[in-house]
Amino acid sequence: MRAALTVLLLTGTIFTTQARAQAAAAPDADASDRFSLGQIIVTAPRTQGIEIDSNTLSSDAIYTFGRTALDDAVNLMPGIAAGNSGGTRNERLVFVRGFDRFQVPLSIDGIRVYLPADNRLDYGRFLTTDIAEVQVAKGYASVLDGPGAMGGAINLVTRKPTKALDIDVRGTVNFDNDADYAGYSTSAMVGTRQDKWYAQASYARSFTDHWDLPNDFTARIPALEDGGARDFSRTRDWRANVKLGFTPNATDEYAIS
């Protein structure tokens, strides 16, 4: 009996020793064979009341950052980048996760914007002063947005009055890096909102006299570009809109703009 107990105790001791050895030899779950370079954490204070996320861009954000054109405005949103066509037409493009204007249609208040010839929209020509919100659908888009929305869709929601007499006038003056006059942008809106209807008229104008090249720019062909103010960089855009709406109840709204 004593011999049997001694054998059992020795066997238990051997198993316990092996279990401890295996636990000590087991690799750490947090260990990795990859070399760690550390982490860089970037933080910044968030401005209150400014709404910028992956799908919407508010008018307050557009005004705060001074983005008067659509291509500059959507550049604030993640996953969207503005660029240049690189051709002689010097068109401004918008890329939504890499998809360009041929895969991402543009709408204003849900109405598709087309160019009859080649549908090559210039996003730098769309002013944002009377835009209430920019909506971007990434990936899957509704079939109501029309064909060609393989990469998503962009919808511009125009502003509408919020009180009986709604007046908004804004203006800015631009200067170049030498403090010389470089252009201006101005907008005005007047409207009224009643119990079952509203009306609004708005006008916006943007003028760029020129923009400067870097001070260290060296002209290779002075006949084409000699530095200073960029040749043929003057632009002029304007936009006028009249909007009438009928709101018979809390859920329905009919508008013409």
C-alpha atoms as a PDB file:
ATOM      1  CA  MET A   1       0.000   0.000   0.000  1.00  0.00           C
ATOM      2  CA  ARG A   2       2.811   2.380   0.899  1.00  0.00           C
ATOM      3  CA  ALA A   3       4.639   1.460  -2.323  1.00  0.00           C
ATOM      4  CA  ALA A   4       1.511   2.242  -4.378  1.00  0.00           C
ATOM      5  CA  LEU A   5       1.068   5.659  -2.714  1.00  0.00           C
ATOM      6  CA  THR A   6       4.732   6.447  -3.299  1.00  0.00           C
ATOM      7  CA  VAL A   7       4.428   5.594  -7.022  1.00  0.00           C
ATOM      8  CA  LEU A   8       1.293   7.784  -7.382  1.00  0.00           C
ATOM      9  CA  LEU A   9       2.943  10.732  -5.655  1.00  0.00           C
ATOM     10  CA  LEU A  10       6.041  10.447  -7.851  1.00  0.00           C
ATOM     11  CA  THR A  11       3.885  10.261 -10.992  1.00  0.00           C
ATOM     12  CA  GLY A  12       1.962  13.415  -9.986  1.00  0.00           C
ATOM     13  CA  THR A  13       5.191  15.246  -9.307  1.00  0.00           C
ATOM     14  CA  ILE A  14       6.567  14.313 -12.750  1.00  0.00           C
ATOM     15  CA  PHE A  15       3.388  15.523 -14.544  1.00  0.00           C
ATOM     16  CA  THR A  16       3.402  18.786 -12.590  1.00  0.00           C
ATOM     17  CA  THR A  17       7.055  19.415 -13.463  1.00  0.00           C
ATOM     18  CA  GLN A  18       6.394  18.733 -17.172  1.00  0.00           C
ATOM     19  CA  ALA A  19       3.379  21.081 -17.201  1.00  0.00           C
ATOM     20  CA  ARG A  20       5.436  23.878 -15.656  1.00  0.00           C
ATOM     21  CA  ALA A  21       8.227  23.309 -18.159  1.00  0.00           C
ATOM     22  CA  GLN A  22       5.795  23.428 -21.082  1.00  0.00           C
ATOM     23  CA  ALA A  23       4.209  26.623 -19.732  1.00  0.00           C
ATOM     24  CA  ALA A  24       7.623  28.223 -19.396  1.00  0.00           C
ATOM     25  CA  ALA A  25       8.640  27.151 -22.907  1.00  0.00           C
ATOM     26  CA  ALA A  26       5.399  28.347 -24.544  1.00  0.00           C
ATOM     27  CA  PRO A  27       5.894  31.581 -26.560  1.00  0.00           C
ATOM     28  CA  ASP A  28       4.330  34.778 -25.303  1.00  0.00           C
ATOM     29  CA  ALA A  29       1.115  35.609 -27.105  1.00  0.00           C
ATOM     30  CA  ASP A  30       2.159  39.281 -27.321  1.00  0.00           C
ATOM     31  CA  ALA A  31       5.617  38.489 -28.687  1.00  0.00           C
ATOM     32  CA  SER A  32       6.248  38.997 -32.401  1.00  0.00           C
ATOM     33  CA  ASP A  33       9.120  38.445 -34.790  1.00  0.00           C
ATOM     34  CA  ARG A  34       8.473  41.858 -36.385  1.00  0.00           C
ATOM     35  CA  PHE A  35      10.677  44.794 -35.458  1.00  0.00           C
ATOM     36  CA  SER A  36       8.641  47.503 -33.735  1.00  0.00           C
ATOM     37  CA  LEU A  37       9.348  51.102 -34.712  1.00  0.00           C
ATOM     38  CA  GLY A  38       6.995  52.499 -32.108  1.00  0.00           C
ATOM     39  CA  GLN A  39       3.776  54.433 -32.548  1.00  0.00           C
ATOM     40  CA  ILE A  40       3.160  58.029 -33.560  1.00  0.00           C
ATOM     41  CA  ILE A  41      -0.076  59.409 -32.134  1.00  0.00           C
ATOM     42  CA  VAL A  42      -1.294  62.725 -33.555  1.00  0.00           C
ATOM     43  CA  THR A  43      -3.918  64.674 -31.637  1.00  0.00           C
ATOM     44  CA  ALA A  44      -5.498  68.058 -32.264  1.00  0.00           C
ATOM     45  CA  PRO A  45      -8.292  70.082 -30.707  1.00  0.00           C
ATOM     46  CA  ARG A  46     -11.650  69.603 -32.389  1.00  0.00           C
ATOM     47  CA  THR A  47     -13.578  72.712 -33.350  1.00  0.00           C
ATOM     48  CA  GLN A  48     -17.049  72.643 -31.877  1.00  0.00           C
ATOM     49  CA  GLY A  49     -19.950  72.783 -34.309  1.00  0.00           C
ATOM     50  CA  ILE A  50     -17.890  71.795 -37.362  1.00  0.00           C
ATOM     51  CA  GLU A  51     -19.257  68.607 -38.903  1.00  0.00           C
ATOM     52  CA  ILE A  52     -16.805  66.715 -41.116  1.00  0.00           C
ATOM     53  CA  ASP A  53     -17.049  62.968 -41.448  1.00  0.00           C
ATOM     54  CA  SER A  54     -16.669  60.390 -44.189  1.00  0.00           C
ATOM     55  CA  ASN A  55     -20.132  61.018 -45.657  1.00  0.00           C
ATOM     56  CA  THR A  56     -21.171  64.627 -44.974  1.00  0.00           C
ATOM     57  CA  LEU A  57     -19.615  68.078 -45.024  1.00  0.00           C
ATOM     58  CA  SER A  58     -21.573  70.918 -43.423  1.00  0.00           C
ATOM     59  CA  SER A  59     -21.806  74.514 -44.645  1.00  0.00           C
ATOM     60  CA  ASP A  60     -20.197  75.697 -41.393  1.00  0.00           C
ATOM     61  CA  ALA A  61     -17.091  73.651 -42.170  1.00  0.00           C
ATOM     62  CA  ILE A  62     -16.985  75.010 -45.722  1.00  0.00           C
ATOM     63  CA  TYR A  63     -17.220  78.604 -44.478  1.00  0.00           C
ATOM     64  CA  THR A  64     -14.762  78.106 -41.593  1.00  0.00           C
ATOM     65  CA  PHE A  65     -12.042  76.747 -43.884  1.00  0.00           C
ATOM     66  CA  GLY A  66     -12.834  79.205 -46.695  1.00  0.00           C
ATOM     67  CA  ARG A  67     -13.463  76.607 -49.390  1.00  0.00           C
ATOM     68  CA  THR A  68     -15.461  78.457 -52.061  1.00  0.00           C
ATOM     69  CA  ALA A  69     -15.150  75.763 -54.755  1.00  0.00           C
ATOM     70  CA  LEU A  70     -16.358  72.181 -54.583  1.00  0.00           C
ATOM     71  CA  ASP A  71     -12.980  70.581 -55.297  1.00  0.00           C
ATOM     72  CA  ASP A  72     -11.360  72.394 -52.366  1.00  0.00           C
ATOM     73  CA  ALA A  73     -14.316  71.704 -50.069  1.00  0.00           C
ATOM     74  CA  VAL A  74     -14.483  67.922 -50.485  1.00  0.00           C
ATOM     75  CA  ASN A  75     -10.720  67.761 -49.943  1.00  0.00           C
ATOM     76  CA  LEU A  76     -11.555  68.149 -46.240  1.00  0.00           C
ATOM     77  CA  MET A  77     -13.340  64.787 -46.168  1.00  0.00           C
ATOM     78  CA  PRO A  78     -11.482  61.502 -45.586  1.00  0.00           C
ATOM     79  CA  GLY A  79     -11.151  59.220 -48.587  1.00  0.00           C
ATOM     80  CA  ILE A  80     -11.582  62.073 -51.090  1.00  0.00           C
ATOM     81  CA  ALA A  81      -8.820  63.892 -52.955  1.00  0.00           C
ATOM     82  CA  ALA A  82      -8.880  66.686 -55.510  1.00  0.00           C
ATOM     83  CA  GLY A  83      -6.552  66.808 -58.476  1.00  0.00           C
ATOM     84  CA  ASN A  84      -5.966  68.252 -61.911  1.00  0.00           C
ATOM     85  CA  SER A  85      -6.814  66.705 -65.251  1.00  0.00           C
ATOM     86  CA  GLY A  86      -3.376  67.646 -66.568  1.00  0.00           C
ATOM     87  CA  GLY A  87      -4.768  68.506 -69.989  1.00  0.00           C
ATOM     88  CA  THR A  88      -5.174  71.765 -71.845  1.00  0.00           C
ATOM     89  CA  ARG A  89      -8.621  72.303 -70.311  1.00  0.00           C
ATOM     90  CA  ASN A  90      -7.099  72.506 -66.807  1.00  0.00           C
ATOM     91  CA  GLU A  91     -10.128  70.882 -65.203  1.00  0.00           C
ATOM     92  CA  ARG A  92     -10.334  70.139 -61.504  1.00  0.00           C
ATOM     93  CA  LEU A  93     -11.148  66.545 -60.593  1.00  0.00           C
ATOM     94  CA  VAL A  94     -12.427  64.788 -57.483  1.00  0.00           C
ATOM     95  CA  PHE A  95     -11.396  61.227 -56.643  1.00  0.00           C
ATOM     96  CA  VAL A  96     -13.528  59.205 -54.233  1.00  0.00           C
ATOM     97  CA  ARG A  97     -11.344  56.298 -53.087  1.00  0.00           C
ATOM     98  CA  GLY A  98      -9.595  56.464 -56.456  1.00  0.00           C
ATOM     99  CA  PHE A  99     -12.734  56.657 -58.614  1.00  0.00           C
ATOM    100  CA  ASP A 100     -13.031  59.758 -60.789  1.00  0.00           C
ATOM    101  CA  ARG A 101     -15.919  61.693 -62.363  1.00  0.00           C
ATOM    102  CA  PHE A 102     -16.845  58.858 -64.719  1.00  0.00           C
ATOM    103  CA  GLN A 103     -17.569  56.455 -61.823  1.00  0.00           C
ATOM    104  CA  VAL A 104     -18.858  59.003 -59.251  1.00  0.00           C
ATOM    105  CA  PRO A 105     -21.845  61.032 -60.532  1.00  0.00           C
ATOM    106  CA  LEU A 106     -22.631  64.522 -59.234  1.00  0.00           C
ATOM    107  CA  SER A 107     -26.137  65.687 -58.314  1.00  0.00           C
ATOM    108  CA  ILE A 108     -27.649  68.929 -57.041  1.00  0.00           C
ATOM    109  CA  ASP A 109     -30.626  68.352 -54.750  1.00  0.00           C
ATOM    110  CA  GLY A 110     -30.825  64.829 -56.130  1.00  0.00           C
ATOM    111  CA  ILE A 111     -30.884  65.951 -59.792  1.00  0.00           C
ATOM    112  CA  ARG A 112     -28.046  64.514 -61.863  1.00  0.00           C
ATOM    113  CA  VAL A 113     -25.620  66.965 -63.506  1.00  0.00           C
ATOM    114  CA  TYR A 114     -24.629  66.070 -67.065  1.00  0.00           C
ATOM    115  CA  LEU A 115     -22.542  67.589 -69.834  1.00  0.00           C
ATOM    116  CA  PRO A 116     -24.014  66.542 -73.194  1.00  0.00           C
ATOM    117  CA  ALA A 117     -20.699  66.350 -75.066  1.00  0.00           C
ATOM    118  CA  ASP A 118     -18.352  64.238 -72.950  1.00  0.00           C
ATOM    119  CA  ASN A 119     -19.641  64.613 -69.350  1.00  0.00           C
ATOM    120  CA  ARG A 120     -16.237  65.893 -68.216  1.00  0.00           C
ATOM    121  CA  LEU A 121     -17.295  67.992 -65.250  1.00  0.00           C
ATOM    122  CA  ASP A 122     -14.951  70.624 -63.858  1.00  0.00           C
ATOM    123  CA  TYR A 123     -15.482  70.529 -60.090  1.00  0.00           C
ATOM    124  CA  GLY A 124     -13.644  73.819 -59.662  1.00  0.00           C
ATOM    125  CA  ARG A 125     -16.554  75.630 -61.330  1.00  0.00           C
ATOM    126  CA  PHE A 126     -19.128  74.618 -58.691  1.00  0.00           C
ATOM    127  CA  LEU A 127     -19.370  77.272 -55.973  1.00  0.00           C
ATOM    128  CA  THR A 128     -20.260  76.254 -52.429  1.00  0.00           C
ATOM    129  CA  THR A 129     -21.500  79.489 -50.867  1.00  0.00           C
ATOM    130  CA  ASP A 130     -25.192  78.504 -51.038  1.00  0.00           C
ATOM    131  CA  ILE A 131     -24.633  74.818 -50.267  1.00  0.00           C
ATOM    132  CA  ALA A 132     -26.101  73.554 -46.989  1.00  0.00           C
ATOM    133  CA  GLU A 133     -24.372  70.174 -47.074  1.00  0.00           C
ATOM    134  CA  VAL A 134     -22.229  67.979 -49.287  1.00  0.00           C
ATOM    135  CA  GLN A 135     -23.291  64.334 -49.168  1.00  0.00           C
ATOM    136  CA  VAL A 136     -20.931  61.611 -50.380  1.00  0.00           C
ATOM    137  CA  ALA A 137     -21.974  57.984 -50.762  1.00  0.00           C
ATOM    138  CA  LYS A 138     -18.922  55.719 -50.944  1.00  0.00           C
ATOM    139  CA  GLY A 139     -19.040  52.213 -52.289  1.00  0.00           C
ATOM    140  CA  TYR A 140     -22.664  51.224 -52.729  1.00  0.00           C
ATOM    141  CA  ALA A 141     -24.921  53.997 -54.056  1.00  0.00           C
ATOM    142  CA  SER A 142     -28.652  54.057 -54.634  1.00  0.00           C
ATOM    143  CA  VAL A 143     -29.937  53.214 -58.109  1.00  0.00           C
ATOM    144  CA  LEU A 144     -31.926  56.447 -57.842  1.00  0.00           C
ATOM    145  CA  ASP A 145     -28.638  58.286 -58.403  1.00  0.00           C
ATOM    146  CA  GLY A 146     -28.576  56.975 -61.950  1.00  0.00           C
ATOM    147  CA  PRO A 147     -26.066  54.849 -63.862  1.00  0.00           C
ATOM    148  CA  GLY A 148     -22.309  55.010 -63.504  1.00  0.00           C
ATOM    149  CA  ALA A 149     -22.142  55.131 -59.699  1.00  0.00           C
ATOM    150  CA  MET A 150     -19.592  52.347 -59.439  1.00  0.00           C
ATOM    151  CA  GLY A 151     -17.405  54.337 -57.024  1.00  0.00           C
ATOM    152  CA  GLY A 152     -20.136  56.213 -55.157  1.00  0.00           C
ATOM    153  CA  ALA A 153     -22.058  59.458 -55.636  1.00  0.00           C
ATOM    154  CA  ILE A 154     -21.847  63.132 -54.621  1.00  0.00           C
ATOM    155  CA  ASN A 155     -24.946  65.197 -53.860  1.00  0.00           C
ATOM    156  CA  LEU A 156     -25.026  68.937 -53.187  1.00  0.00           C
ATOM    157  CA  VAL A 157     -27.891  70.042 -50.948  1.00  0.00           C
ATOM    158  CA  THR A 158     -28.742  73.705 -51.457  1.00  0.00           C
ATOM    159  CA  ARG A 159     -29.673  75.943 -48.552  1.00  0.00           C
ATOM    160  CA  LYS A 160     -33.211  76.969 -47.686  1.00  0.00           C
ATOM    161  CA  PRO A 161     -34.520  79.688 -45.360  1.00  0.00           C
ATOM    162  CA  THR A 162     -35.145  78.883 -41.726  1.00  0.00           C
ATOM    163  CA  LYS A 163     -37.085  81.959 -40.553  1.00  0.00           C
ATOM    164  CA  ALA A 164     -39.620  84.522 -41.770  1.00  0.00           C
ATOM    165  CA  LEU A 165     -36.902  86.860 -43.043  1.00  0.00           C
ATOM    166  CA  ASP A 166     -33.581  85.147 -43.688  1.00  0.00           C
ATOM    167  CA  ILE A 167     -30.766  87.289 -45.086  1.00  0.00           C
ATOM    168  CA  ASP A 168     -27.145  86.217 -45.384  1.00  0.00           C
ATOM    169  CA  VAL A 169     -24.384  88.279 -47.023  1.00  0.00           C
ATOM    170  CA  ARG A 170     -20.743  87.189 -47.044  1.00  0.00           C
ATOM    171  CA  GLY A 171     -17.582  88.381 -48.732  1.00  0.00           C
ATOM    172  CA  THR A 172     -13.835  87.818 -48.664  1.00  0.00           C
ATOM    173  CA  VAL A 173     -10.809  89.434 -50.299  1.00  0.00           C
ATOM    174  CA  ASN A 174      -7.786  87.355 -51.278  1.00  0.00           C
ATOM    175  CA  PHE A 175      -4.116  88.349 -51.344  1.00  0.00           C
ATOM    176  CA  ASP A 176      -1.073  86.574 -52.738  1.00  0.00           C
ATOM    177  CA  ASN A 177       2.191  85.794 -50.941  1.00  0.00           C
ATOM    178  CA  ASP A 178       3.429  89.348 -51.647  1.00  0.00           C
ATOM    179  CA  ALA A 179       0.286  90.874 -50.077  1.00  0.00           C
ATOM    180  CA  ASP A 180      -0.959  91.996 -53.499  1.00  0.00           C
ATOM    181  CA  TYR A 181      -4.615  91.828 -54.464  1.00  0.00           C
ATOM    182  CA  ALA A 182      -5.451  88.368 -55.828  1.00  0.00           C
ATOM    183  CA  GLY A 183      -9.253  88.248 -56.049  1.00  0.00           C
ATOM    184  CA  TYR A 184     -12.464  88.102 -54.074  1.00  0.00           C
ATOM    185  CA  SER A 185     -15.536  85.991 -53.403  1.00  0.00           C
ATOM    186  CA  THR A 186     -18.977  87.215 -52.393  1.00  0.00           C
ATOM    187  CA  SER A 187     -22.426  85.766 -51.893  1.00  0.00           C
ATOM    188  CA  ALA A 188     -25.881  86.961 -50.899  1.00  0.00           C
ATOM    189  CA  MET A 189     -29.058  85.124 -49.985  1.00  0.00           C
ATOM    190  CA  VAL A 190     -32.528  86.375 -49.098  1.00  0.00           C
ATOM    191  CA  GLY A 191     -35.511  84.201 -48.326  1.00  0.00           C
ATOM    192  CA  THR A 192     -38.620  83.678 -46.271  1.00  0.00           C
ATOM    193  CA  ARG A 193     -40.124  80.649 -44.596  1.00  0.00           C
ATOM    194  CA  GLN A 194     -43.834  80.498 -43.859  1.00  0.00           C
ATOM    195  CA  ASP A 195     -46.124  77.871 -42.432  1.00  0.00           C
ATOM    196  CA  LYS A 196     -46.539  75.792 -45.595  1.00  0.00           C
ATOM    197  CA  TRP A 197     -44.130  77.304 -48.111  1.00  0.00           C
ATOM    198  CA  TYR A 198     -40.768  79.007 -48.472  1.00  0.00           C
ATOM    199  CA  ALA A 199     -38.938  81.028 -51.114  1.00  0.00           C
ATOM    200  CA  GLN A 200     -35.308  81.939 -51.574  1.00  0.00           C
ATOM    201  CA  ALA A 201     -33.011  83.682 -54.044  1.00  0.00           C
ATOM    202  CA  SER A 202     -29.223  83.526 -53.893  1.00  0.00           C
ATOM    203  CA  TYR A 203     -26.253  84.781 -55.866  1.00  0.00           C
ATOM    204  CA  ALA A 204     -22.563  83.957 -55.589  1.00  0.00           C
ATOM    205  CA  ARG A 205     -19.518  85.200 -57.440  1.00  0.00           C
ATOM    206  CA  SER A 206     -15.857  84.232 -57.227  1.00  0.00           C
ATOM    207  CA  PHE A 207     -12.998  86.005 -58.993  1.00  0.00           C
ATOM    208  CA  THR A 208      -9.338  85.017 -58.975  1.00  0.00           C
ATOM    209  CA  ASP A 209      -7.050  87.642 -60.458  1.00  0.00           C
ATOM    210  CA  HIS A 210      -3.993  85.392 -60.335  1.00  0.00           C
ATOM    211  CA  TRP A 211      -2.036  83.003 -58.179  1.00  0.00           C
ATOM    212  CA  ASP A 212       1.703  83.102 -57.643  1.00  0.00           C
ATOM    213  CA  LEU A 213       4.366  80.561 -58.405  1.00  0.00           C
ATOM    214  CA  PRO A 214       6.987  79.783 -55.716  1.00  0.00           C
ATOM    215  CA  ASN A 215       9.658  82.428 -55.234  1.00  0.00           C
ATOM    216  CA  ASP A 216      12.404  79.945 -56.129  1.00  0.00           C
ATOM    217  CA  PHE A 217      10.762  79.029 -59.450  1.00  0.00           C
ATOM    218  CA  THR A 218      13.273  78.981 -62.303  1.00  0.00           C
ATOM    219  CA  ALA A 219      11.867  79.533 -65.779  1.00  0.00           C
ATOM    220  CA  ARG A 220      13.130  77.044 -68.342  1.00  0.00           C
ATOM    221  CA  ILE A 221      11.228  78.623 -71.227  1.00  0.00           C
ATOM    222  CA  PRO A 222      10.534  82.272 -70.285  1.00  0.00           C
ATOM    223  CA  ALA A 223       8.341  82.727 -73.331  1.00  0.00           C
ATOM    224  CA  LEU A 224       5.882  80.221 -71.849  1.00  0.00           C
ATOM    225  CA  GLU A 225       6.205  81.110 -68.152  1.00  0.00           C
ATOM    226  CA  ASP A 226       8.539  83.688 -66.613  1.00  0.00           C
ATOM    227  CA  GLY A 227       7.590  83.247 -62.947  1.00  0.00           C
ATOM    228  CA  GLY A 228       5.743  85.488 -60.537  1.00  0.00           C
ATOM    229  CA  ALA A 229       2.012  85.453 -61.263  1.00  0.00           C
ATOM    230  CA  ARG A 230       1.051  82.294 -63.123  1.00  0.00           C
ATOM    231  CA  ASP A 231       0.142  83.080 -66.700  1.00  0.00           C
ATOM    232  CA  PHE A 232      -3.535  82.541 -67.602  1.00  0.00           C
ATOM    233  CA  SER A 233      -4.468  81.827 -63.978  1.00  0.00           C
ATOM    234  CA  ARG A 234      -7.347  84.332 -63.881  1.00  0.00           C
ATOM    235  CA  THR A 235     -10.756  82.745 -63.343  1.00  0.00           C
ATOM    236  CA  ARG A 236     -14.283  84.064 -62.903  1.00  0.00           C
ATOM    237  CA  ASP A 237     -17.326  82.089 -61.756  1.00  0.00           C
ATOM    238  CA  TRP A 238     -20.829  83.036 -60.706  1.00  0.00           C
ATOM    239  CA  ARG A 239     -23.943  81.193 -59.651  1.00  0.00           C
ATOM    240  CA  ALA A 240     -27.594  82.266 -59.265  1.00  0.00           C
ATOM    241  CA  ASN A 241     -30.368  80.158 -57.793  1.00  0.00           C
ATOM    242  CA  VAL A 242     -34.064  80.615 -57.051  1.00  0.00           C
ATOM    243  CA  LYS A 243     -35.799  78.038 -54.884  1.00  0.00           C
ATOM    244  CA  LEU A 244     -39.510  77.651 -54.121  1.00  0.00           C
ATOM    245  CA  GLY A 245     -40.817  75.018 -51.741  1.00  0.00           C
ATOM    246  CA  PHE A 246     -44.175  73.712 -50.551  1.00  0.00           C
ATOM    247  CA  THR A 247     -44.445  71.879 -47.207  1.00  0.00           C
ATOM    248  CA  PRO A 248     -48.037  70.687 -46.703  1.00  0.00           C
ATOM    249  CA  ASN A 249     -47.146  68.650 -43.620  1.00  0.00           C
ATOM    250  CA  ALA A 250     -44.226  67.599 -41.440  1.00  0.00           C
ATOM    251  CA  THR A 251     -43.114  64.722 -43.687  1.00  0.00           C
ATOM    252  CA  ASP A 252     -43.616  65.970 -47.275  1.00  0.00           C
ATOM    253  CA  GLU A 253     -41.735  68.675 -49.135  1.00  0.00           C
ATOM    254  CA  TYR A 254     -41.898  69.741 -52.793  1.00  0.00           C
ATOM    255  CA  ALA A 255     -39.311  72.148 -54.157  1.00  0.00           C
ATOM    256  CA  ILE A 256     -38.385  73.747 -57.470  1.00  0.00           C
ATOM    257  CA  SER A 257     -35.014  75.386 -57.943  1.00  0.00           C
END
